[in-house]
Each structure stands twice: as structure tokens, then as C-alpha cells.
Amino acid sequence: MTLSKATNKIHAVLFDLDGTLVDTAPDLVAALNLSLNDHGFQSVELSAVREAASNGSLALVKAAVGQSSDEQQYSIQQGLLNHYQVVNGQFSRLFDGVSEFLSHLDDLNIPYGVVTNKPARFTRPLMHALALTDRVKTVISGDSTQFSKPHVAPMLLAAQQINCHPEKILYLGDAERDLIAAQNSAMHGGIALWGYIGPNDSPNDWPHSYSYTHPKMIILE
């Protein structure tokens, strides 16, 4: 479905970060493998754990060494986060079609920004590495408010910063929590099917107004 019938409703666009705006899995898995090696484990292939990248560092660890103890998983997770501070932004890229979509939004003078559960210490350097810092109108990280998605607090803060009523905002995400957050904050939820959606996910069951297989499907005028 496209936005061709809702162009008069959308005045701004907000993105989830990992798995929607940016393909961050290569950085995250590189950091994971460094930590796995530190702890005596074999590296894992990107394709084997890619779908867990949208669910945080511990989800990646569990996808790689789910049979290890909780204590060991926690230790590997901390190592991943330490390594990620170094590799963050080295291998990440905008998803195919996203750059063109952002340029289209620029041409239309439609403001856009990011609402992510990624901590600010990782979000800000990544946005800088991708030359997005000066283009976005808001960046809300997982620790920008007391709550993270699916809570409405970060969503409403972004709406305030972008100076747009929530009901006129399209929020794009690739996880159920993203679409729940959009629904609960009265935004139009759009599923980014190009993101980290696993075989056990049921995106059609998530609350949403739109569903897109590629950014080129999103039509704003």
C-alpha cells in the first residue's frame, strides 16, 4: 500500500533506526564476533543472526550462543557493547532506497527524524558517520526519556521537537513495538518490511496503517 490516498495527512516522517533507516547489522555482528572470540567462541555469519539485530545486543548474543549460561551471555553482551563503540558506523549503510526517499522529503520540505531504543552514546556517533546529523530535525534515543518504545513518551517528544501533531506523522518501523508505539501515540504506523523481520514475526498482525516492501513504495506529494 502506498501513501497516495493519505498525502494530505502526512506532514512529517519519523523512522526507527536499526532495521528501518539504517542497516546496522554489519556493525553489530562485527562487534558480536569480536566479543565471541574474546570469550573463546567461534564467529557467526551475519546471515545467521541478522534478524535479531533490531532487538538489541542481548538478542544478538542469544541468537549466537543461546545455550550458554545467562552469566556468560551477559559477559559477551558487555564485550559486544565495548567493541561496538569502536566499530559503530564503520560498516552500516542506509537501506536501499532510503537515501532517495530522504532526498525526496528534502525536496518537499517535509521534516523527518529518528526515534530509536538505541542509547544516545551509540545513536549520535552513527548519525554523524552517516552524515545525517544536520539533516534530521530530531533524534530521540532510548535514554532520551524515562521510557523507551513501545511507550509513547519518546514518540511524543519527537513530535514536539519536529513541531508536528502526532496524527500528521508517519512513523516507519520494522518491529511490533514500533507499530504499537505509533498507534498509541496517534501516528500513522508504516511497517518497513525491508528491515529485520524474522520468520517467526507476524507483521500483518501488528497495528499499522501502511506496509512497505521498499522505500520507493512510499509516495508523498
Protein backbone atom coordinates (compact mmCIF):
# COMPACT_ATOMS: atom_id res chain seq x y z
CA MET A 1 0.00 0.00 0.00
CA THR A 2 1.25 3.49 -0.75
CA LEU A 3 0.52 6.84 0.78
CA SER A 4 -1.13 8.14 -2.38
CA LYS A 5 -4.51 8.37 -0.61
CA ALA A 6 -3.10 9.97 2.53
CA THR A 7 -0.83 12.69 1.24
CA ASN A 8 -2.91 15.38 2.88
CA LYS A 9 -2.48 13.68 6.26
CA ILE A 10 1.32 13.34 6.42
CA HIS A 11 3.32 16.44 7.35
CA ALA A 12 6.39 14.71 8.82
CA VAL A 13 8.12 11.32 8.86
CA LEU A 14 9.86 9.59 11.76
CA PHE A 15 12.00 6.47 11.48
CA ASP A 16 13.10 3.68 13.70
CA LEU A 17 16.88 3.43 13.31
CA ASP A 18 18.15 -0.16 13.29
CA GLY A 19 16.42 -2.18 10.60
CA THR A 20 14.41 0.70 9.17
CA LEU A 21 16.55 3.72 8.36
CA VAL A 22 19.95 2.05 8.62
CA ASP A 23 21.28 -1.46 8.07
CA THR A 24 23.31 -1.61 11.28
CA ALA A 25 23.59 -5.39 11.46
CA PRO A 26 27.10 -5.50 9.90
CA ASP A 27 28.49 -3.28 12.68
CA LEU A 28 26.60 -5.09 15.41
CA VAL A 29 27.64 -8.54 14.24
CA ALA A 30 31.25 -7.42 13.82
CA ALA A 31 31.21 -6.30 17.47
CA LEU A 32 29.46 -9.53 18.46
CA ASN A 33 32.13 -11.64 16.78
CA LEU A 34 34.93 -9.74 18.46
CA SER A 35 33.31 -10.42 21.83
CA LEU A 36 32.60 -14.06 20.96
CA ASN A 37 36.25 -14.54 20.04
CA ASP A 38 37.31 -12.86 23.28
CA HIS A 39 35.28 -15.45 25.16
CA GLY A 40 36.52 -18.43 23.18
CA PHE A 41 33.59 -18.83 20.79
CA GLN A 42 33.63 -19.12 17.02
CA SER A 43 32.47 -16.17 14.95
CA VAL A 44 28.96 -16.34 13.48
CA GLU A 45 27.83 -15.46 9.97
CA LEU A 46 25.94 -12.22 9.54
CA SER A 47 23.08 -14.06 7.84
CA ALA A 48 22.65 -16.39 10.82
CA VAL A 49 21.83 -13.66 13.35
CA ARG A 50 20.86 -10.68 11.19
CA GLU A 51 17.16 -10.80 12.08
CA ALA A 52 17.97 -10.34 15.78
CA ALA A 53 19.73 -7.02 15.16
CA SER A 54 16.58 -4.96 15.69
CA ASN A 55 16.00 -6.42 19.16
CA GLY A 56 19.15 -5.26 20.90
CA SER A 57 22.55 -6.58 21.90
CA LEU A 58 21.34 -9.36 24.20
CA ALA A 59 19.08 -10.73 21.47
CA LEU A 60 22.12 -10.95 19.19
CA VAL A 61 24.07 -12.80 21.85
CA LYS A 62 21.21 -15.23 22.42
CA ALA A 63 20.91 -15.82 18.68
CA ALA A 64 24.61 -16.71 18.57
CA VAL A 65 25.12 -18.68 21.81
CA GLY A 66 21.67 -19.27 23.19
CA GLN A 67 22.75 -22.45 25.00
CA SER A 68 25.38 -20.71 27.13
CA SER A 69 24.67 -19.58 30.68
CA ASP A 70 22.99 -16.29 31.50
CA GLU A 71 26.18 -15.11 33.16
CA GLN A 72 28.24 -15.89 30.08
CA GLN A 73 25.71 -14.26 27.78
CA TYR A 74 25.81 -11.12 29.91
CA SER A 75 29.60 -11.06 29.74
CA ILE A 76 29.55 -11.46 25.96
CA GLN A 77 26.92 -8.72 25.72
CA GLN A 78 29.12 -6.29 27.65
CA GLY A 79 32.03 -7.13 25.38
CA LEU A 80 29.83 -6.56 22.34
CA LEU A 81 28.88 -3.10 23.60
CA ASN A 82 32.51 -2.21 24.27
CA HIS A 83 33.57 -3.29 20.78
CA TYR A 84 30.56 -1.60 19.23
CA GLN A 85 31.72 1.79 20.48
CA VAL A 86 34.76 1.30 18.22
CA VAL A 87 33.14 -0.22 15.11
CA ASN A 88 29.89 1.77 15.23
CA GLY A 89 29.33 3.34 11.81
CA GLN A 90 32.15 1.53 10.02
CA PHE A 91 30.00 -0.90 8.07
CA SER A 92 26.46 0.46 8.50
CA ARG A 93 24.67 1.87 5.47
CA LEU A 94 21.28 3.34 4.67
CA PHE A 95 18.95 0.69 3.32
CA ASP A 96 18.48 0.59 -0.42
CA GLY A 97 16.11 3.36 -1.47
CA VAL A 98 16.27 5.27 1.82
CA SER A 99 18.72 7.90 0.58
CA GLU A 100 16.44 8.68 -2.35
CA PHE A 101 13.43 8.86 -0.06
CA LEU A 102 15.20 11.30 2.28
CA SER A 103 16.15 13.46 -0.70
CA HIS A 104 12.50 13.39 -1.79
CA LEU A 105 11.45 14.56 1.68
CA ASP A 106 14.04 17.33 1.50
CA ASP A 107 12.65 18.43 -1.86
CA LEU A 108 9.14 18.55 -0.41
CA ASN A 109 10.33 20.36 2.75
CA ILE A 110 8.86 17.54 4.83
CA PRO A 111 10.76 17.27 8.12
CA TYR A 112 11.98 13.90 9.35
CA GLY A 113 13.75 12.41 12.33
CA VAL A 114 14.56 9.28 14.32
CA VAL A 115 13.03 7.59 17.36
CA THR A 116 15.10 4.60 18.44
CA ASN A 117 15.66 2.46 21.52
CA LYS A 118 19.41 2.58 20.86
CA PRO A 119 21.23 4.54 23.59
CA ALA A 120 22.36 8.03 22.66
CA ARG A 121 26.04 7.12 23.08
CA PHE A 122 25.62 4.90 20.01
CA THR A 123 22.91 6.80 18.14
CA ARG A 124 24.66 10.15 17.85
CA PRO A 125 28.00 8.83 16.50
CA LEU A 126 26.15 6.67 13.98
CA MET A 127 24.07 9.58 12.71
CA HIS A 128 27.25 11.61 12.37
CA ALA A 129 29.05 8.82 10.50
CA LEU A 130 26.17 8.66 8.01
CA ALA A 131 26.14 12.47 7.56
CA LEU A 132 22.57 12.68 8.85
CA THR A 133 23.05 14.87 11.91
CA ASP A 134 22.37 18.14 10.10
CA ARG A 135 19.51 16.73 8.02
CA VAL A 136 17.21 15.32 10.68
CA LYS A 137 15.03 17.58 12.82
CA THR A 138 15.00 15.31 15.86
CA VAL A 139 16.87 12.30 17.21
CA ILE A 140 15.27 10.59 20.20
CA SER A 141 17.31 7.75 21.66
CA GLY A 142 16.35 5.00 24.08
CA ASP A 143 17.57 7.06 27.02
CA SER A 144 16.28 10.45 25.88
CA THR A 145 13.19 9.98 28.05
CA GLN A 146 12.40 7.88 31.09
CA PHE A 147 10.75 5.30 28.84
CA SER A 148 11.54 3.61 25.53
CA LYS A 149 9.29 2.22 22.80
CA PRO A 150 6.58 0.97 22.82
CA HIS A 151 5.91 3.74 25.36
CA VAL A 152 4.56 6.93 23.85
CA ALA A 153 6.98 9.27 25.66
CA PRO A 154 9.80 9.22 23.06
CA MET A 155 7.30 9.41 20.23
CA LEU A 156 5.56 12.47 21.63
CA LEU A 157 8.88 14.16 22.41
CA ALA A 158 9.90 13.70 18.78
CA ALA A 159 6.58 15.14 17.60
CA GLN A 160 7.13 18.15 19.85
CA GLN A 161 10.67 18.69 18.59
CA ILE A 162 9.64 18.35 14.97
CA ASN A 163 6.71 20.73 15.64
CA CYS A 164 4.07 18.45 14.17
CA HIS A 165 0.86 16.97 15.57
CA PRO A 166 1.25 13.18 16.02
CA GLU A 167 -1.76 12.40 13.84
CA LYS A 168 0.04 14.03 10.90
CA ILE A 169 3.22 11.95 11.31
CA LEU A 170 4.15 8.74 9.53
CA TYR A 171 6.29 6.51 11.74
CA LEU A 172 8.22 3.74 9.99
CA GLY A 173 9.48 0.71 11.90
CA ASP A 174 10.37 -2.95 11.50
CA ALA A 175 9.32 -4.31 14.91
CA GLU A 176 5.99 -4.79 16.64
CA ARG A 177 6.95 -2.35 19.42
CA ASP A 178 7.44 0.35 16.76
CA LEU A 179 3.94 -0.05 15.41
CA ILE A 180 2.40 -0.26 18.88
CA ALA A 181 4.21 2.96 19.80
CA ALA A 182 2.91 4.62 16.65
CA GLN A 183 -0.66 3.50 17.31
CA ASN A 184 -0.62 4.54 20.97
CA SER A 185 0.74 7.98 20.08
CA ALA A 186 -1.85 8.53 17.31
CA MET A 187 0.72 8.40 14.49
CA HIS A 188 0.31 6.58 11.19
CA GLY A 189 2.29 3.37 11.50
CA GLY A 190 4.14 2.06 8.46
CA ILE A 191 5.82 -1.35 8.50
CA ALA A 192 9.29 -1.38 6.95
CA LEU A 193 9.23 -4.89 5.53
CA TRP A 194 12.77 -4.41 4.21
CA GLY A 195 14.06 -4.47 7.81
CA TYR A 196 14.96 -7.16 10.33
CA ILE A 197 11.73 -9.12 10.29
CA GLY A 198 12.21 -12.77 11.24
CA PRO A 199 10.34 -15.90 10.14
CA ASN A 200 8.50 -16.03 13.47
CA ASP A 201 7.26 -12.45 13.18
CA SER A 202 3.71 -11.74 12.01
CA PRO A 203 3.81 -8.16 10.73
CA ASN A 204 0.34 -8.36 9.27
CA ASP A 205 -0.93 -8.71 12.83
CA TRP A 206 0.84 -5.58 14.01
CA PRO A 207 -1.22 -2.36 14.21
CA HIS A 208 -0.43 -0.35 11.12
CA SER A 209 -1.84 2.00 8.51
CA TYR A 210 0.63 1.08 5.77
CA SER A 211 3.05 -1.67 4.85
CA TYR A 212 6.01 -1.24 2.50
CA THR A 213 8.39 -3.72 0.94
CA HIS A 214 10.71 -0.94 -0.27
CA PRO A 215 11.09 2.80 0.45
CA LYS A 216 10.18 3.57 -3.17
CA MET A 217 6.64 2.47 -2.35
CA ILE A 218 6.18 5.45 -0.01
CA ILE A 219 4.57 8.20 -2.05
CA LEU A 220 4.27 11.69 -0.64
CA GLU A 221 3.30 14.75 -2.68
